[in-house]
Amino acid sequence: RRVFLLFGALTERKGIFAVLDALHHLSPEARGTITLRLVGRVDKADRDAFLNRLAETRTTCPEARIELVDDFVTDAALAQEVMDCDVVLAPYQDHVGSSGVVFWAAAAAKPLISQNTGLMGYQVDRYDLGLATRTTDPRALADAFDKAAPRPRNAAFLTRHSPEAFVSTLLDGC
């Protein structure tokens, strides 16, 4: 399964409802390849509506694995979440600024699905950080889910920085 991670304060403005709606626009086969992790506190104003929509989505889209961690997450735990996922989600609803989500994803070399407007849309397009789409449109968001692919690991970098290369460097210096 590909793991899609949406983290931080879980609010309507950050796209929690749009992400759940997008799952309905995927085929059952596509949903069966997805784990959606929602990590962070659900906003009090959105809590009841979100939990109802989550329950409904779990019932109507049983192929998708949807995991909710409704709690404060430390930076260390968040770093592990980002490293463990395949795609980071920032489906903000017409946000004009940027977000730390962009930097978490970029630092971990994870593709990002974000809105195609505002500073985040510009950053994703300009720096090839993933896919910028109409995150207010669940169909467009579902298409982005289908198109999102994990970035290949840089094999040359990993070879140069392997444990074996490190030991070799130390021994050569002795």
N, C-alpha and C. Protein backbone atom coordinates (compact mmCIF):
# COMPACT_ATOMS: atom_id res chain seq x y z
N ARG A 1 0.84 -1.20 0.00
CA ARG A 1 0.00 0.00 0.00
C ARG A 1 0.87 1.25 0.00
N ARG A 2 0.42 2.25 -0.73
CA ARG A 2 1.07 3.56 -0.68
C ARG A 2 0.47 4.33 0.49
N VAL A 3 1.34 4.92 1.29
CA VAL A 3 0.90 5.65 2.48
C VAL A 3 0.88 7.14 2.16
N PHE A 4 -0.31 7.73 2.29
CA PHE A 4 -0.52 9.16 2.11
C PHE A 4 -0.69 9.76 3.50
N LEU A 5 0.10 10.78 3.82
CA LEU A 5 0.11 11.37 5.15
C LEU A 5 -0.39 12.81 5.11
N LEU A 6 -1.41 13.08 5.93
CA LEU A 6 -1.86 14.45 6.16
C LEU A 6 -1.65 14.70 7.64
N PHE A 7 -0.89 15.72 7.99
CA PHE A 7 -0.56 15.93 9.41
C PHE A 7 -0.69 17.38 9.81
N GLY A 8 -0.68 17.58 11.11
CA GLY A 8 -0.79 18.91 11.69
C GLY A 8 -2.15 19.09 12.33
N ALA A 9 -2.58 20.34 12.45
CA ALA A 9 -3.92 20.62 12.96
C ALA A 9 -4.90 20.17 11.88
N LEU A 10 -5.74 19.22 12.21
CA LEU A 10 -6.66 18.65 11.23
C LEU A 10 -7.94 19.47 11.21
N THR A 11 -8.03 20.35 10.20
CA THR A 11 -9.15 21.28 10.08
C THR A 11 -9.73 21.23 8.68
N GLU A 12 -10.93 21.77 8.54
CA GLU A 12 -11.55 21.86 7.22
C GLU A 12 -10.67 22.68 6.28
N ARG A 13 -10.11 23.77 6.77
CA ARG A 13 -9.25 24.63 5.96
C ARG A 13 -8.06 23.88 5.39
N LYS A 14 -7.58 22.89 6.12
CA LYS A 14 -6.43 22.11 5.66
C LYS A 14 -6.82 20.92 4.79
N GLY A 15 -8.13 20.77 4.50
CA GLY A 15 -8.55 19.81 3.51
C GLY A 15 -8.95 18.43 3.99
N ILE A 16 -9.25 18.27 5.28
CA ILE A 16 -9.57 16.93 5.78
C ILE A 16 -10.83 16.36 5.13
N PHE A 17 -11.81 17.20 4.85
CA PHE A 17 -13.04 16.71 4.22
C PHE A 17 -12.80 16.42 2.74
N ALA A 18 -12.03 17.27 2.08
CA ALA A 18 -11.74 17.07 0.66
C ALA A 18 -11.00 15.75 0.43
N VAL A 19 -10.10 15.40 1.33
CA VAL A 19 -9.34 14.15 1.19
C VAL A 19 -10.28 12.95 1.32
N LEU A 20 -11.17 12.99 2.29
CA LEU A 20 -12.12 11.89 2.44
C LEU A 20 -13.05 11.81 1.22
N ASP A 21 -13.50 12.97 0.73
CA ASP A 21 -14.36 12.98 -0.46
C ASP A 21 -13.62 12.43 -1.68
N ALA A 22 -12.33 12.70 -1.77
CA ALA A 22 -11.55 12.23 -2.92
C ALA A 22 -11.53 10.71 -2.99
N LEU A 23 -11.51 10.05 -1.85
CA LEU A 23 -11.49 8.58 -1.85
C LEU A 23 -12.69 8.01 -2.59
N HIS A 24 -13.83 8.69 -2.53
CA HIS A 24 -15.04 8.22 -3.20
C HIS A 24 -14.91 8.26 -4.73
N HIS A 25 -13.96 9.04 -5.23
CA HIS A 25 -13.78 9.18 -6.68
C HIS A 25 -12.71 8.23 -7.23
N LEU A 26 -12.16 7.40 -6.39
CA LEU A 26 -11.19 6.40 -6.83
C LEU A 26 -11.91 5.06 -7.02
N SER A 27 -11.37 4.26 -7.89
CA SER A 27 -11.94 2.92 -8.07
C SER A 27 -11.67 2.09 -6.82
N PRO A 28 -12.48 1.06 -6.59
CA PRO A 28 -12.20 0.19 -5.44
C PRO A 28 -10.79 -0.39 -5.49
N GLU A 29 -10.32 -0.72 -6.70
CA GLU A 29 -8.96 -1.26 -6.84
C GLU A 29 -7.92 -0.23 -6.40
N ALA A 30 -8.09 1.01 -6.82
CA ALA A 30 -7.15 2.07 -6.44
C ALA A 30 -7.21 2.32 -4.93
N ARG A 31 -8.40 2.33 -4.37
CA ARG A 31 -8.54 2.53 -2.92
C ARG A 31 -7.84 1.42 -2.15
N GLY A 32 -7.84 0.21 -2.71
CA GLY A 32 -7.21 -0.92 -2.05
C GLY A 32 -5.71 -0.82 -1.98
N THR A 33 -5.13 0.14 -2.68
CA THR A 33 -3.67 0.33 -2.65
C THR A 33 -3.26 1.48 -1.73
N ILE A 34 -4.22 2.07 -1.05
CA ILE A 34 -3.97 3.30 -0.28
C ILE A 34 -4.13 3.09 1.21
N THR A 35 -3.19 3.65 1.96
CA THR A 35 -3.36 3.87 3.39
C THR A 35 -3.31 5.38 3.58
N LEU A 36 -4.35 5.92 4.15
CA LEU A 36 -4.41 7.35 4.45
C LEU A 36 -4.19 7.51 5.94
N ARG A 37 -3.10 8.22 6.30
CA ARG A 37 -2.81 8.50 7.71
C ARG A 37 -3.10 9.97 7.99
N LEU A 38 -3.97 10.20 8.94
CA LEU A 38 -4.32 11.54 9.40
C LEU A 38 -3.74 11.67 10.79
N VAL A 39 -2.72 12.52 10.94
CA VAL A 39 -1.96 12.58 12.19
C VAL A 39 -1.97 14.01 12.72
N GLY A 40 -2.57 14.17 13.87
CA GLY A 40 -2.66 15.48 14.52
C GLY A 40 -4.00 15.61 15.21
N ARG A 41 -4.20 16.71 15.87
CA ARG A 41 -5.46 16.91 16.58
C ARG A 41 -6.54 17.41 15.62
N VAL A 42 -7.71 16.78 15.71
CA VAL A 42 -8.87 17.25 14.95
C VAL A 42 -9.40 18.49 15.65
N ASP A 43 -9.61 19.54 14.87
CA ASP A 43 -10.11 20.81 15.40
C ASP A 43 -11.48 20.62 16.06
N LYS A 44 -11.67 21.24 17.21
CA LYS A 44 -12.93 21.09 17.95
C LYS A 44 -14.13 21.51 17.11
N ALA A 45 -14.00 22.58 16.36
CA ALA A 45 -15.12 23.07 15.54
C ALA A 45 -15.51 22.08 14.46
N ASP A 46 -14.57 21.29 13.99
CA ASP A 46 -14.82 20.34 12.90
C ASP A 46 -14.98 18.89 13.38
N ARG A 47 -14.75 18.66 14.66
CA ARG A 47 -14.66 17.29 15.18
C ARG A 47 -15.88 16.43 14.87
N ASP A 48 -17.07 16.84 15.25
CA ASP A 48 -18.25 15.99 15.07
C ASP A 48 -18.50 15.70 13.60
N ALA A 49 -18.47 16.73 12.77
CA ALA A 49 -18.71 16.54 11.33
C ALA A 49 -17.64 15.66 10.72
N PHE A 50 -16.39 15.85 11.14
CA PHE A 50 -15.30 15.05 10.58
C PHE A 50 -15.42 13.59 11.00
N LEU A 51 -15.65 13.33 12.27
CA LEU A 51 -15.75 11.95 12.73
C LEU A 51 -16.92 11.23 12.07
N ASN A 52 -18.02 11.94 11.82
CA ASN A 52 -19.15 11.34 11.09
C ASN A 52 -18.76 11.03 9.65
N ARG A 53 -18.08 11.97 9.00
CA ARG A 53 -17.67 11.75 7.61
C ARG A 53 -16.64 10.63 7.53
N LEU A 54 -15.74 10.56 8.51
CA LEU A 54 -14.75 9.50 8.56
C LEU A 54 -15.43 8.13 8.68
N ALA A 55 -16.39 8.02 9.56
CA ALA A 55 -17.11 6.75 9.73
C ALA A 55 -17.85 6.38 8.45
N GLU A 56 -18.48 7.35 7.81
CA GLU A 56 -19.20 7.10 6.56
C GLU A 56 -18.23 6.66 5.47
N THR A 57 -17.07 7.30 5.38
CA THR A 57 -16.09 6.95 4.35
C THR A 57 -15.51 5.57 4.60
N ARG A 58 -15.26 5.23 5.84
CA ARG A 58 -14.77 3.88 6.14
C ARG A 58 -15.79 2.82 5.74
N THR A 59 -17.07 3.14 5.85
CA THR A 59 -18.13 2.20 5.48
C THR A 59 -18.27 2.09 3.96
N THR A 60 -18.26 3.22 3.27
CA THR A 60 -18.50 3.20 1.82
C THR A 60 -17.23 2.94 1.01
N CYS A 61 -16.08 3.09 1.61
CA CYS A 61 -14.80 2.84 0.93
C CYS A 61 -13.96 1.88 1.76
N PRO A 62 -14.47 0.66 1.99
CA PRO A 62 -13.77 -0.25 2.91
C PRO A 62 -12.41 -0.71 2.39
N GLU A 63 -12.16 -0.54 1.10
CA GLU A 63 -10.87 -0.98 0.54
C GLU A 63 -9.72 -0.09 1.02
N ALA A 64 -10.01 1.16 1.28
CA ALA A 64 -8.98 2.10 1.74
C ALA A 64 -8.73 1.87 3.22
N ARG A 65 -7.49 1.93 3.60
CA ARG A 65 -7.15 1.88 5.03
C ARG A 65 -7.00 3.33 5.48
N ILE A 66 -7.82 3.72 6.44
CA ILE A 66 -7.78 5.10 6.96
C ILE A 66 -7.42 5.02 8.43
N GLU A 67 -6.30 5.65 8.78
CA GLU A 67 -5.81 5.63 10.16
C GLU A 67 -5.80 7.05 10.70
N LEU A 68 -6.40 7.24 11.86
CA LEU A 68 -6.45 8.55 12.50
C LEU A 68 -5.67 8.50 13.80
N VAL A 69 -4.71 9.40 13.94
CA VAL A 69 -3.98 9.59 15.20
C VAL A 69 -4.39 10.98 15.67
N ASP A 70 -5.44 11.04 16.48
CA ASP A 70 -6.03 12.31 16.92
C ASP A 70 -5.34 12.74 18.22
N ASP A 71 -4.11 13.24 18.08
CA ASP A 71 -3.33 13.60 19.25
C ASP A 71 -2.20 14.53 18.82
N PHE A 72 -1.64 15.24 19.77
CA PHE A 72 -0.45 16.04 19.51
C PHE A 72 0.70 15.09 19.19
N VAL A 73 1.50 15.44 18.20
CA VAL A 73 2.62 14.60 17.79
C VAL A 73 3.91 15.40 17.94
N THR A 74 4.89 14.83 18.59
CA THR A 74 6.17 15.50 18.77
C THR A 74 6.88 15.63 17.43
N ASP A 75 7.88 16.50 17.37
CA ASP A 75 8.66 16.66 16.14
C ASP A 75 9.36 15.35 15.77
N ALA A 76 9.85 14.63 16.76
CA ALA A 76 10.53 13.36 16.47
C ALA A 76 9.56 12.34 15.89
N ALA A 77 8.36 12.25 16.45
CA ALA A 77 7.36 11.32 15.93
C ALA A 77 6.90 11.76 14.54
N LEU A 78 6.77 13.05 14.35
CA LEU A 78 6.37 13.57 13.05
C LEU A 78 7.43 13.28 11.99
N ALA A 79 8.68 13.46 12.35
CA ALA A 79 9.77 13.15 11.41
C ALA A 79 9.70 11.69 10.98
N GLN A 80 9.41 10.80 11.91
CA GLN A 80 9.29 9.38 11.58
C GLN A 80 8.08 9.13 10.68
N GLU A 81 6.97 9.80 10.96
CA GLU A 81 5.77 9.67 10.11
C GLU A 81 6.09 10.08 8.67
N VAL A 82 6.78 11.20 8.52
CA VAL A 82 7.11 11.69 7.18
C VAL A 82 8.06 10.72 6.48
N MET A 83 9.04 10.22 7.19
CA MET A 83 9.97 9.27 6.58
C MET A 83 9.27 7.97 6.18
N ASP A 84 8.26 7.56 6.94
CA ASP A 84 7.58 6.30 6.68
C ASP A 84 6.51 6.37 5.59
N CYS A 85 6.10 7.57 5.22
CA CYS A 85 5.04 7.68 4.22
C CYS A 85 5.62 7.69 2.80
N ASP A 86 4.73 7.58 1.83
CA ASP A 86 5.13 7.66 0.43
C ASP A 86 4.84 9.03 -0.17
N VAL A 87 3.74 9.64 0.27
CA VAL A 87 3.31 10.93 -0.26
C VAL A 87 2.78 11.77 0.90
N VAL A 88 3.17 13.04 0.92
CA VAL A 88 2.67 13.98 1.93
C VAL A 88 1.55 14.80 1.30
N LEU A 89 0.48 14.99 2.06
CA LEU A 89 -0.67 15.76 1.59
C LEU A 89 -0.71 17.13 2.25
N ALA A 90 -0.95 18.14 1.42
CA ALA A 90 -1.20 19.50 1.91
C ALA A 90 -2.37 20.06 1.09
N PRO A 91 -3.56 19.45 1.24
CA PRO A 91 -4.70 19.84 0.42
C PRO A 91 -5.45 21.05 0.96
N TYR A 92 -4.69 22.07 1.31
CA TYR A 92 -5.28 23.28 1.86
C TYR A 92 -6.37 23.81 0.92
N GLN A 93 -7.35 24.46 1.50
CA GLN A 93 -8.48 24.97 0.74
C GLN A 93 -8.29 26.47 0.49
N ASP A 94 -7.70 26.78 -0.65
CA ASP A 94 -7.46 28.17 -1.09
C ASP A 94 -6.67 28.99 -0.09
N HIS A 95 -5.59 28.44 0.39
CA HIS A 95 -4.67 29.11 1.31
C HIS A 95 -3.69 29.94 0.46
N VAL A 96 -3.38 31.14 0.88
CA VAL A 96 -2.51 31.98 0.06
C VAL A 96 -1.04 31.88 0.43
N GLY A 97 -0.73 31.46 1.63
CA GLY A 97 0.65 31.42 2.09
C GLY A 97 1.31 30.08 1.87
N SER A 98 2.33 29.82 2.63
CA SER A 98 3.04 28.55 2.57
C SER A 98 2.68 27.76 3.82
N SER A 99 3.40 26.69 4.04
CA SER A 99 3.16 25.85 5.21
C SER A 99 4.44 25.08 5.52
N GLY A 100 4.64 24.79 6.78
CA GLY A 100 5.77 23.96 7.18
C GLY A 100 5.69 22.57 6.58
N VAL A 101 4.50 22.14 6.17
CA VAL A 101 4.32 20.84 5.54
C VAL A 101 5.21 20.74 4.29
N VAL A 102 5.31 21.82 3.54
CA VAL A 102 6.15 21.84 2.33
C VAL A 102 7.59 21.51 2.70
N PHE A 103 8.08 22.09 3.76
CA PHE A 103 9.47 21.90 4.14
C PHE A 103 9.72 20.52 4.73
N TRP A 104 8.76 20.00 5.49
CA TRP A 104 8.90 18.63 6.00
C TRP A 104 9.01 17.65 4.84
N ALA A 105 8.13 17.80 3.85
CA ALA A 105 8.13 16.89 2.70
C ALA A 105 9.42 17.04 1.90
N ALA A 106 9.84 18.27 1.64
CA ALA A 106 11.06 18.49 0.86
C ALA A 106 12.28 17.94 1.58
N ALA A 107 12.36 18.14 2.88
CA ALA A 107 13.51 17.65 3.64
C ALA A 107 13.60 16.13 3.60
N ALA A 108 12.47 15.46 3.52
CA ALA A 108 12.46 14.00 3.49
C ALA A 108 12.42 13.45 2.06
N ALA A 109 12.47 14.35 1.07
CA ALA A 109 12.41 13.97 -0.35
C ALA A 109 11.14 13.18 -0.66
N LYS A 110 10.04 13.60 -0.05
CA LYS A 110 8.75 12.96 -0.30
C LYS A 110 7.93 13.84 -1.23
N PRO A 111 7.25 13.25 -2.20
CA PRO A 111 6.40 14.07 -3.07
C PRO A 111 5.24 14.63 -2.26
N LEU A 112 4.79 15.79 -2.68
CA LEU A 112 3.75 16.52 -1.98
C LEU A 112 2.58 16.73 -2.94
N ILE A 113 1.38 16.51 -2.46
CA ILE A 113 0.18 16.91 -3.20
C ILE A 113 -0.34 18.14 -2.49
N SER A 114 -0.40 19.25 -3.22
CA SER A 114 -0.87 20.49 -2.60
C SER A 114 -1.80 21.22 -3.55
N GLN A 115 -2.32 22.31 -3.05
CA GLN A 115 -3.16 23.18 -3.87
C GLN A 115 -2.32 23.77 -4.99
N ASN A 116 -2.99 24.18 -6.07
CA ASN A 116 -2.27 24.75 -7.20
C ASN A 116 -2.31 26.28 -7.18
N THR A 117 -2.70 26.85 -6.08
CA THR A 117 -2.77 28.30 -5.95
C THR A 117 -1.90 28.74 -4.78
N GLY A 118 -1.70 30.04 -4.67
CA GLY A 118 -0.96 30.59 -3.56
C GLY A 118 0.52 30.22 -3.58
N LEU A 119 1.19 30.53 -2.50
CA LEU A 119 2.62 30.30 -2.39
C LEU A 119 2.95 28.81 -2.43
N MET A 120 2.11 27.97 -1.79
CA MET A 120 2.38 26.53 -1.82
C MET A 120 2.32 25.99 -3.24
N GLY A 121 1.32 26.36 -3.99
CA GLY A 121 1.22 25.92 -5.38
C GLY A 121 2.43 26.35 -6.19
N TYR A 122 2.86 27.59 -5.97
CA TYR A 122 4.05 28.10 -6.66
C TYR A 122 5.28 27.28 -6.29
N GLN A 123 5.48 27.03 -4.99
CA GLN A 123 6.66 26.29 -4.54
C GLN A 123 6.68 24.87 -5.09
N VAL A 124 5.54 24.20 -5.07
CA VAL A 124 5.48 22.82 -5.57
C VAL A 124 5.80 22.78 -7.06
N ASP A 125 5.22 23.70 -7.83
CA ASP A 125 5.52 23.74 -9.27
C ASP A 125 6.95 24.19 -9.55
N ARG A 126 7.37 25.25 -8.94
CA ARG A 126 8.68 25.85 -9.23
C ARG A 126 9.84 24.92 -8.89
N TYR A 127 9.71 24.19 -7.78
CA TYR A 127 10.81 23.37 -7.30
C TYR A 127 10.57 21.87 -7.48
N ASP A 128 9.57 21.52 -8.29
CA ASP A 128 9.27 20.12 -8.60
C ASP A 128 9.16 19.28 -7.32
N LEU A 129 8.28 19.73 -6.42
CA LEU A 129 8.13 19.06 -5.13
C LEU A 129 7.00 18.04 -5.12
N GLY A 130 6.31 17.89 -6.23
CA GLY A 130 5.20 16.94 -6.29
C GLY A 130 4.16 17.41 -7.27
N LEU A 131 2.89 17.31 -6.87
CA LEU A 131 1.77 17.67 -7.73
C LEU A 131 0.95 18.79 -7.09
N ALA A 132 0.73 19.84 -7.86
CA ALA A 132 -0.16 20.91 -7.42
C ALA A 132 -1.47 20.73 -8.19
N THR A 133 -2.58 20.71 -7.48
CA THR A 133 -3.87 20.45 -8.11
C THR A 133 -4.95 21.29 -7.45
N ARG A 134 -6.16 21.20 -7.99
CA ARG A 134 -7.30 21.91 -7.41
C ARG A 134 -7.79 21.09 -6.21
N THR A 135 -7.27 21.38 -5.05
CA THR A 135 -7.59 20.59 -3.86
C THR A 135 -9.00 20.85 -3.34
N THR A 136 -9.68 21.85 -3.87
CA THR A 136 -11.08 22.08 -3.51
C THR A 136 -12.00 21.19 -4.33
N ASP A 137 -11.46 20.50 -5.33
CA ASP A 137 -12.22 19.60 -6.20
C ASP A 137 -11.83 18.15 -5.88
N PRO A 138 -12.71 17.39 -5.22
CA PRO A 138 -12.36 16.02 -4.84
C PRO A 138 -11.95 15.14 -6.02
N ARG A 139 -12.52 15.37 -7.21
CA ARG A 139 -12.13 14.57 -8.39
C ARG A 139 -10.68 14.87 -8.79
N ALA A 140 -10.31 16.14 -8.77
CA ALA A 140 -8.93 16.52 -9.10
C ALA A 140 -7.97 15.96 -8.06
N LEU A 141 -8.38 15.98 -6.82
CA LEU A 141 -7.54 15.44 -5.74
C LEU A 141 -7.39 13.93 -5.91
N ALA A 142 -8.46 13.24 -6.27
CA ALA A 142 -8.39 11.80 -6.52
C ALA A 142 -7.45 11.50 -7.69
N ASP A 143 -7.50 12.32 -8.74
CA ASP A 143 -6.57 12.13 -9.87
C ASP A 143 -5.13 12.28 -9.40
N ALA A 144 -4.88 13.23 -8.52
CA ALA A 144 -3.52 13.42 -7.99
C ALA A 144 -3.09 12.21 -7.18
N PHE A 145 -4.01 11.61 -6.42
CA PHE A 145 -3.69 10.38 -5.69
C PHE A 145 -3.22 9.30 -6.65
N ASP A 146 -3.94 9.16 -7.77
CA ASP A 146 -3.58 8.15 -8.77
C ASP A 146 -2.22 8.42 -9.40
N LYS A 147 -1.90 9.69 -9.62
CA LYS A 147 -0.67 10.06 -10.32
C LYS A 147 0.56 10.14 -9.41
N ALA A 148 0.34 10.32 -8.12
CA ALA A 148 1.46 10.52 -7.19
C ALA A 148 2.31 9.26 -7.12
N ALA A 149 3.58 9.46 -7.27
CA ALA A 149 4.52 8.34 -7.20
C ALA A 149 5.65 8.71 -6.26
N PRO A 150 6.05 7.77 -5.43
CA PRO A 150 7.20 8.06 -4.57
C PRO A 150 8.42 8.42 -5.41
N ARG A 151 9.20 9.34 -4.90
CA ARG A 151 10.42 9.73 -5.60
C ARG A 151 11.45 8.62 -5.47
N PRO A 152 12.17 8.33 -6.55
CA PRO A 152 13.20 7.30 -6.44
C PRO A 152 14.31 7.76 -5.51
N ARG A 153 14.86 6.83 -4.80
CA ARG A 153 15.97 7.17 -3.91
C ARG A 153 17.21 7.38 -4.75
N ASN A 154 18.05 8.26 -4.31
CA ASN A 154 19.28 8.58 -5.02
C ASN A 154 20.31 7.49 -4.70
N ALA A 155 20.40 6.50 -5.59
CA ALA A 155 21.26 5.34 -5.35
C ALA A 155 22.73 5.73 -5.22
N ALA A 156 23.20 6.66 -6.03
CA ALA A 156 24.60 7.07 -5.97
C ALA A 156 24.92 7.70 -4.61
N PHE A 157 24.04 8.58 -4.13
CA PHE A 157 24.24 9.21 -2.83
C PHE A 157 24.24 8.15 -1.72
N LEU A 158 23.26 7.24 -1.77
CA LEU A 158 23.17 6.22 -0.73
C LEU A 158 24.38 5.30 -0.72
N THR A 159 24.93 5.00 -1.89
CA THR A 159 26.13 4.16 -1.97
C THR A 159 27.32 4.87 -1.32
N ARG A 160 27.48 6.16 -1.63
CA ARG A 160 28.59 6.94 -1.06
C ARG A 160 28.45 7.12 0.44
N HIS A 161 27.23 7.04 0.96
CA HIS A 161 26.99 7.30 2.37
C HIS A 161 26.49 6.06 3.11
N SER A 162 26.87 4.91 2.64
CA SER A 162 26.48 3.66 3.29
C SER A 162 27.35 3.41 4.51
N PRO A 163 26.94 2.51 5.40
CA PRO A 163 27.79 2.16 6.55
C PRO A 163 29.15 1.62 6.10
N GLU A 164 29.15 0.86 5.02
CA GLU A 164 30.42 0.31 4.52
C GLU A 164 31.36 1.41 4.07
N ALA A 165 30.82 2.41 3.35
CA ALA A 165 31.65 3.53 2.89
C ALA A 165 32.18 4.32 4.08
N PHE A 166 31.37 4.48 5.12
CA PHE A 166 31.79 5.20 6.31
C PHE A 166 32.95 4.47 6.99
N VAL A 167 32.81 3.18 7.18
CA VAL A 167 33.88 2.38 7.82
C VAL A 167 35.13 2.43 6.97
N SER A 168 35.00 2.32 5.68
CA SER A 168 36.15 2.38 4.78
C SER A 168 36.87 3.72 4.91
N THR A 169 36.12 4.79 4.99
CA THR A 169 36.72 6.13 5.14
C THR A 169 37.50 6.20 6.45
N LEU A 170 36.93 5.69 7.52
CA LEU A 170 37.62 5.71 8.81
C LEU A 170 38.91 4.89 8.77
N LEU A 171 38.81 3.69 8.22
CA LEU A 171 39.97 2.82 8.18
C LEU A 171 41.06 3.37 7.27
N ASP A 172 40.67 3.97 6.17
CA ASP A 172 41.67 4.57 5.27
C ASP A 172 42.39 5.73 5.95
N GLY A 173 41.71 6.41 6.85
CA GLY A 173 42.32 7.53 7.56
C GLY A 173 43.26 7.12 8.67
N CYS A 174 43.17 5.87 9.10
CA CYS A 174 44.00 5.39 10.20
C CYS A 174 45.32 5.00 9.69
